[in-house]
Amino acid sequence: MSIMSETSTDRFDGIGSYAASPPRMPDAHVERVADDVFAVTIADDAIGFIEVAGRIYVASVGPRRDRALECAQTHSLDSAARAIAAIHGATVADAATSQARRVSRALYRPLPC
């Protein structure tokens, strides 16, 4: 007789015991809020900010930009977003940083002479 019900979400791990399936990690999204500032959000709640300082992306964690704490300095927007998301146990949606990057390239495209 099994103690597992038919509707249980647990799975058999093959060693003789049951292990709960791991919870799905939420997706973080990157949005441009100013020329040199990006917000990292989960379900429309800000979890951090990325500021562009020359060629460096400064990642800060916190729901408010003026009180956020710096957690990383990287050379790419993707790495900065992943650093913030990792602190919150989230993953960065693949399309999120590429879309934000496209917008920033369009804004900083050199003008034709």
N, C-alpha and C. Protein backbone atom coordinates (compact mmCIF):
# COMPACT_ATOMS: atom_id res chain seq x y z
N MET A 1 0.84 -1.18 0.00
CA MET A 1 0.00 0.00 0.00
C MET A 1 0.89 1.25 0.00
N SER A 2 0.57 2.19 -0.85
CA SER A 2 1.36 3.40 -0.98
C SER A 2 0.75 4.52 -0.15
N ILE A 3 1.62 5.32 0.45
CA ILE A 3 1.13 6.48 1.20
C ILE A 3 0.98 7.70 0.30
N MET A 4 1.42 7.58 -0.94
CA MET A 4 1.31 8.68 -1.90
C MET A 4 -0.07 8.67 -2.54
N SER A 5 -0.67 9.82 -2.64
CA SER A 5 -1.96 9.90 -3.31
C SER A 5 -1.73 10.06 -4.81
N GLU A 6 -2.75 9.84 -5.59
CA GLU A 6 -2.62 9.95 -7.03
C GLU A 6 -2.41 11.39 -7.48
N THR A 7 -2.84 12.36 -6.70
CA THR A 7 -2.73 13.76 -7.09
C THR A 7 -1.48 14.43 -6.52
N SER A 8 -0.60 13.66 -5.90
CA SER A 8 0.58 14.23 -5.29
C SER A 8 1.54 14.74 -6.36
N THR A 9 2.24 15.84 -6.05
CA THR A 9 3.21 16.40 -6.98
C THR A 9 4.62 15.91 -6.68
N ASP A 10 4.79 15.06 -5.65
CA ASP A 10 6.11 14.53 -5.33
C ASP A 10 6.52 13.52 -6.39
N ARG A 11 7.82 13.33 -6.54
CA ARG A 11 8.30 12.36 -7.50
C ARG A 11 9.27 11.41 -6.81
N PHE A 12 9.40 10.23 -7.36
CA PHE A 12 10.28 9.20 -6.83
C PHE A 12 11.69 9.49 -7.32
N ASP A 13 12.67 9.57 -6.41
CA ASP A 13 14.02 9.92 -6.84
C ASP A 13 14.88 8.73 -7.25
N GLY A 14 14.33 7.53 -7.23
CA GLY A 14 15.04 6.35 -7.70
C GLY A 14 15.90 5.68 -6.65
N ILE A 15 16.06 6.28 -5.50
CA ILE A 15 16.90 5.69 -4.46
C ILE A 15 16.05 5.01 -3.40
N GLY A 16 14.78 5.20 -3.45
CA GLY A 16 13.91 4.57 -2.48
C GLY A 16 13.14 5.57 -1.63
N SER A 17 13.26 6.84 -1.95
CA SER A 17 12.51 7.84 -1.21
C SER A 17 11.88 8.81 -2.20
N TYR A 18 11.01 9.61 -1.69
CA TYR A 18 10.33 10.60 -2.53
C TYR A 18 10.92 11.97 -2.26
N ALA A 19 11.13 12.72 -3.32
CA ALA A 19 11.67 14.08 -3.21
C ALA A 19 10.68 15.04 -3.84
N ALA A 20 10.48 16.17 -3.20
CA ALA A 20 9.58 17.19 -3.75
C ALA A 20 10.23 17.83 -4.97
N SER A 21 9.44 18.12 -5.99
CA SER A 21 9.98 18.76 -7.18
C SER A 21 10.39 20.19 -6.82
N PRO A 22 11.49 20.69 -7.38
CA PRO A 22 11.97 22.02 -7.04
C PRO A 22 11.00 23.09 -7.54
N PRO A 23 10.83 24.16 -6.77
CA PRO A 23 9.93 25.24 -7.22
C PRO A 23 10.52 25.96 -8.42
N ARG A 24 9.65 26.47 -9.27
CA ARG A 24 10.09 27.21 -10.46
C ARG A 24 10.55 28.60 -10.03
N MET A 25 11.69 29.03 -10.56
CA MET A 25 12.23 30.34 -10.23
C MET A 25 11.50 31.41 -11.05
N PRO A 26 11.16 32.54 -10.43
CA PRO A 26 10.47 33.60 -11.19
C PRO A 26 11.40 34.25 -12.20
N ASP A 27 10.81 34.86 -13.21
CA ASP A 27 11.58 35.56 -14.24
C ASP A 27 11.71 37.03 -13.88
N ALA A 28 12.91 37.55 -13.99
CA ALA A 28 13.16 38.98 -13.80
C ALA A 28 13.23 39.63 -15.18
N HIS A 29 12.79 40.85 -15.26
CA HIS A 29 12.78 41.59 -16.52
C HIS A 29 13.57 42.89 -16.35
N VAL A 30 14.18 43.32 -17.43
CA VAL A 30 14.98 44.54 -17.43
C VAL A 30 14.27 45.59 -18.26
N GLU A 31 14.09 46.78 -17.67
CA GLU A 31 13.41 47.87 -18.36
C GLU A 31 14.24 49.14 -18.24
N ARG A 32 14.29 49.90 -19.33
CA ARG A 32 15.01 51.17 -19.30
C ARG A 32 14.11 52.22 -18.64
N VAL A 33 14.67 52.94 -17.64
CA VAL A 33 13.90 54.00 -16.98
C VAL A 33 14.49 55.39 -17.24
N ALA A 34 15.74 55.44 -17.68
CA ALA A 34 16.39 56.70 -18.06
C ALA A 34 17.48 56.36 -19.07
N ASP A 35 18.18 57.39 -19.55
CA ASP A 35 19.22 57.16 -20.55
C ASP A 35 20.29 56.19 -20.07
N ASP A 36 20.65 56.28 -18.80
CA ASP A 36 21.73 55.44 -18.28
C ASP A 36 21.31 54.60 -17.08
N VAL A 37 20.01 54.34 -16.94
CA VAL A 37 19.52 53.56 -15.81
C VAL A 37 18.51 52.52 -16.29
N PHE A 38 18.67 51.28 -15.80
CA PHE A 38 17.75 50.19 -16.07
C PHE A 38 17.17 49.72 -14.75
N ALA A 39 15.91 49.29 -14.75
CA ALA A 39 15.28 48.71 -13.57
C ALA A 39 15.11 47.21 -13.81
N VAL A 40 15.40 46.42 -12.79
CA VAL A 40 15.18 44.98 -12.85
C VAL A 40 13.94 44.70 -12.01
N THR A 41 12.93 44.07 -12.62
CA THR A 41 11.65 43.86 -11.95
C THR A 41 11.24 42.40 -11.97
N ILE A 42 10.47 42.03 -10.96
CA ILE A 42 9.77 40.74 -10.93
C ILE A 42 8.30 41.07 -10.67
N ALA A 43 7.44 40.68 -11.58
CA ALA A 43 6.00 40.93 -11.47
C ALA A 43 5.73 42.41 -11.21
N ASP A 44 6.37 43.28 -11.96
CA ASP A 44 6.20 44.74 -11.89
C ASP A 44 6.67 45.36 -10.58
N ASP A 45 7.39 44.63 -9.75
CA ASP A 45 7.99 45.17 -8.53
C ASP A 45 9.49 45.28 -8.74
N ALA A 46 10.04 46.46 -8.51
CA ALA A 46 11.48 46.68 -8.70
C ALA A 46 12.26 45.92 -7.64
N ILE A 47 13.28 45.19 -8.08
CA ILE A 47 14.16 44.49 -7.14
C ILE A 47 15.58 45.04 -7.20
N GLY A 48 15.87 45.86 -8.20
CA GLY A 48 17.19 46.43 -8.32
C GLY A 48 17.30 47.35 -9.51
N PHE A 49 18.47 48.00 -9.59
CA PHE A 49 18.71 48.97 -10.65
C PHE A 49 20.11 48.77 -11.20
N ILE A 50 20.27 49.09 -12.48
CA ILE A 50 21.57 49.02 -13.14
C ILE A 50 21.86 50.40 -13.70
N GLU A 51 22.99 50.98 -13.28
CA GLU A 51 23.39 52.28 -13.78
C GLU A 51 24.61 52.11 -14.67
N VAL A 52 24.61 52.84 -15.78
CA VAL A 52 25.73 52.78 -16.72
C VAL A 52 26.69 53.90 -16.37
N ALA A 53 27.95 53.51 -16.08
CA ALA A 53 29.00 54.48 -15.76
C ALA A 53 30.15 54.25 -16.73
N GLY A 54 30.10 54.93 -17.86
CA GLY A 54 31.09 54.70 -18.90
C GLY A 54 30.87 53.34 -19.53
N ARG A 55 31.86 52.44 -19.39
CA ARG A 55 31.74 51.09 -19.93
C ARG A 55 31.40 50.07 -18.84
N ILE A 56 31.09 50.54 -17.65
CA ILE A 56 30.79 49.67 -16.51
C ILE A 56 29.31 49.75 -16.19
N TYR A 57 28.72 48.57 -15.88
CA TYR A 57 27.34 48.49 -15.43
C TYR A 57 27.35 48.23 -13.93
N VAL A 58 26.81 49.16 -13.15
CA VAL A 58 26.80 49.05 -11.70
C VAL A 58 25.44 48.53 -11.27
N ALA A 59 25.43 47.33 -10.66
CA ALA A 59 24.19 46.69 -10.23
C ALA A 59 23.95 47.00 -8.75
N SER A 60 22.74 47.46 -8.44
CA SER A 60 22.36 47.77 -7.06
C SER A 60 21.05 47.06 -6.74
N VAL A 61 20.95 46.53 -5.53
CA VAL A 61 19.78 45.77 -5.11
C VAL A 61 18.93 46.62 -4.17
N GLY A 62 17.63 46.65 -4.42
CA GLY A 62 16.70 47.37 -3.57
C GLY A 62 15.53 47.89 -4.37
N PRO A 63 14.39 48.06 -3.72
CA PRO A 63 13.20 48.52 -4.44
C PRO A 63 13.21 50.01 -4.78
N ARG A 64 14.06 50.78 -4.09
CA ARG A 64 14.15 52.22 -4.36
C ARG A 64 15.57 52.53 -4.82
N ARG A 65 15.66 53.29 -5.89
CA ARG A 65 16.98 53.60 -6.47
C ARG A 65 17.85 54.40 -5.52
N ASP A 66 17.27 55.32 -4.75
CA ASP A 66 18.06 56.17 -3.87
C ASP A 66 18.58 55.42 -2.63
N ARG A 67 18.02 54.23 -2.35
CA ARG A 67 18.46 53.47 -1.17
C ARG A 67 19.02 52.09 -1.52
N ALA A 68 19.16 51.80 -2.81
CA ALA A 68 19.66 50.50 -3.25
C ALA A 68 21.14 50.35 -2.91
N LEU A 69 21.55 49.11 -2.61
CA LEU A 69 22.92 48.82 -2.25
C LEU A 69 23.65 48.17 -3.43
N GLU A 70 24.85 48.66 -3.71
CA GLU A 70 25.62 48.11 -4.82
C GLU A 70 26.02 46.67 -4.54
N CYS A 71 25.81 45.81 -5.54
CA CYS A 71 26.16 44.39 -5.36
C CYS A 71 27.16 43.90 -6.39
N ALA A 72 27.34 44.60 -7.51
CA ALA A 72 28.27 44.14 -8.53
C ALA A 72 28.60 45.27 -9.51
N GLN A 73 29.78 45.14 -10.12
CA GLN A 73 30.17 45.99 -11.24
C GLN A 73 30.62 45.05 -12.34
N THR A 74 29.99 45.17 -13.51
CA THR A 74 30.28 44.24 -14.60
C THR A 74 30.51 45.01 -15.89
N HIS A 75 30.90 44.25 -16.92
CA HIS A 75 31.13 44.84 -18.23
C HIS A 75 29.97 44.57 -19.19
N SER A 76 28.88 43.94 -18.71
CA SER A 76 27.74 43.68 -19.58
C SER A 76 26.44 43.86 -18.82
N LEU A 77 25.42 44.24 -19.55
CA LEU A 77 24.10 44.39 -18.97
C LEU A 77 23.56 43.05 -18.49
N ASP A 78 23.82 41.98 -19.24
CA ASP A 78 23.35 40.66 -18.87
C ASP A 78 23.91 40.22 -17.51
N SER A 79 25.20 40.40 -17.31
CA SER A 79 25.83 39.99 -16.06
C SER A 79 25.30 40.79 -14.88
N ALA A 80 25.08 42.07 -15.08
CA ALA A 80 24.54 42.91 -14.00
C ALA A 80 23.12 42.48 -13.64
N ALA A 81 22.31 42.19 -14.64
CA ALA A 81 20.93 41.74 -14.38
C ALA A 81 20.93 40.39 -13.68
N ARG A 82 21.81 39.47 -14.10
CA ARG A 82 21.89 38.15 -13.44
C ARG A 82 22.35 38.27 -12.00
N ALA A 83 23.24 39.21 -11.70
CA ALA A 83 23.72 39.41 -10.33
C ALA A 83 22.57 39.84 -9.41
N ILE A 84 21.74 40.74 -9.89
CA ILE A 84 20.59 41.19 -9.10
C ILE A 84 19.57 40.08 -8.95
N ALA A 85 19.26 39.39 -10.04
CA ALA A 85 18.26 38.32 -10.01
C ALA A 85 18.70 37.17 -9.12
N ALA A 86 19.99 36.84 -9.10
CA ALA A 86 20.48 35.73 -8.29
C ALA A 86 20.26 35.98 -6.81
N ILE A 87 20.38 37.21 -6.37
CA ILE A 87 20.17 37.55 -4.96
C ILE A 87 18.73 37.26 -4.56
N HIS A 88 17.81 37.45 -5.49
CA HIS A 88 16.38 37.22 -5.22
C HIS A 88 15.93 35.82 -5.63
N GLY A 89 16.84 34.97 -6.03
CA GLY A 89 16.47 33.61 -6.43
C GLY A 89 15.66 33.56 -7.70
N ALA A 90 15.95 34.45 -8.61
CA ALA A 90 15.21 34.52 -9.88
C ALA A 90 16.17 34.30 -11.04
N THR A 91 15.60 34.12 -12.21
CA THR A 91 16.38 34.05 -13.44
C THR A 91 15.97 35.22 -14.32
N VAL A 92 16.86 35.63 -15.19
CA VAL A 92 16.57 36.74 -16.09
C VAL A 92 15.99 36.18 -17.38
N ALA A 93 14.86 36.72 -17.79
CA ALA A 93 14.26 36.31 -19.06
C ALA A 93 15.22 36.66 -20.18
N ASP A 94 15.45 35.73 -21.08
CA ASP A 94 16.43 35.93 -22.15
C ASP A 94 16.10 37.14 -23.01
N ALA A 95 14.86 37.33 -23.33
CA ALA A 95 14.47 38.43 -24.21
C ALA A 95 14.53 39.78 -23.50
N ALA A 96 14.54 39.78 -22.16
CA ALA A 96 14.48 41.04 -21.42
C ALA A 96 15.72 41.89 -21.63
N THR A 97 16.90 41.31 -21.46
CA THR A 97 18.11 42.11 -21.61
C THR A 97 18.41 42.43 -23.06
N SER A 98 18.06 41.52 -23.96
CA SER A 98 18.32 41.82 -25.37
C SER A 98 17.44 42.96 -25.86
N GLN A 99 16.21 43.02 -25.39
CA GLN A 99 15.31 44.12 -25.77
C GLN A 99 15.82 45.44 -25.18
N ALA A 100 16.25 45.43 -23.92
CA ALA A 100 16.77 46.65 -23.30
C ALA A 100 18.04 47.09 -24.01
N ARG A 101 18.87 46.14 -24.43
CA ARG A 101 20.11 46.47 -25.12
C ARG A 101 19.83 47.10 -26.48
N ARG A 102 18.80 46.59 -27.19
CA ARG A 102 18.44 47.17 -28.49
C ARG A 102 18.03 48.62 -28.34
N VAL A 103 17.27 48.92 -27.30
CA VAL A 103 16.83 50.29 -27.07
C VAL A 103 18.02 51.19 -26.79
N SER A 104 18.97 50.71 -25.97
CA SER A 104 20.12 51.55 -25.65
C SER A 104 21.01 51.78 -26.87
N ARG A 105 21.16 50.80 -27.73
CA ARG A 105 21.96 51.00 -28.94
C ARG A 105 21.31 52.02 -29.86
N ALA A 106 19.99 52.00 -29.94
CA ALA A 106 19.29 52.95 -30.79
C ALA A 106 19.45 54.37 -30.27
N LEU A 107 19.46 54.53 -28.95
CA LEU A 107 19.61 55.87 -28.37
C LEU A 107 21.01 56.43 -28.55
N TYR A 108 22.02 55.57 -28.52
CA TYR A 108 23.40 56.04 -28.58
C TYR A 108 24.04 55.85 -29.95
N ARG A 109 23.24 55.63 -30.97
CA ARG A 109 23.77 55.49 -32.33
C ARG A 109 24.33 56.83 -32.78
N PRO A 110 25.54 56.85 -33.36
CA PRO A 110 26.12 58.13 -33.79
C PRO A 110 25.28 58.77 -34.91
N LEU A 111 25.24 60.07 -34.87
CA LEU A 111 24.49 60.82 -35.87
C LEU A 111 25.29 60.90 -37.17
N PRO A 112 24.61 60.80 -38.32
CA PRO A 112 25.34 60.93 -39.59
C PRO A 112 25.80 62.37 -39.78
N CYS A 113 26.95 62.53 -40.32
CA CYS A 113 27.50 63.89 -40.54
C CYS A 113 27.16 64.42 -41.91
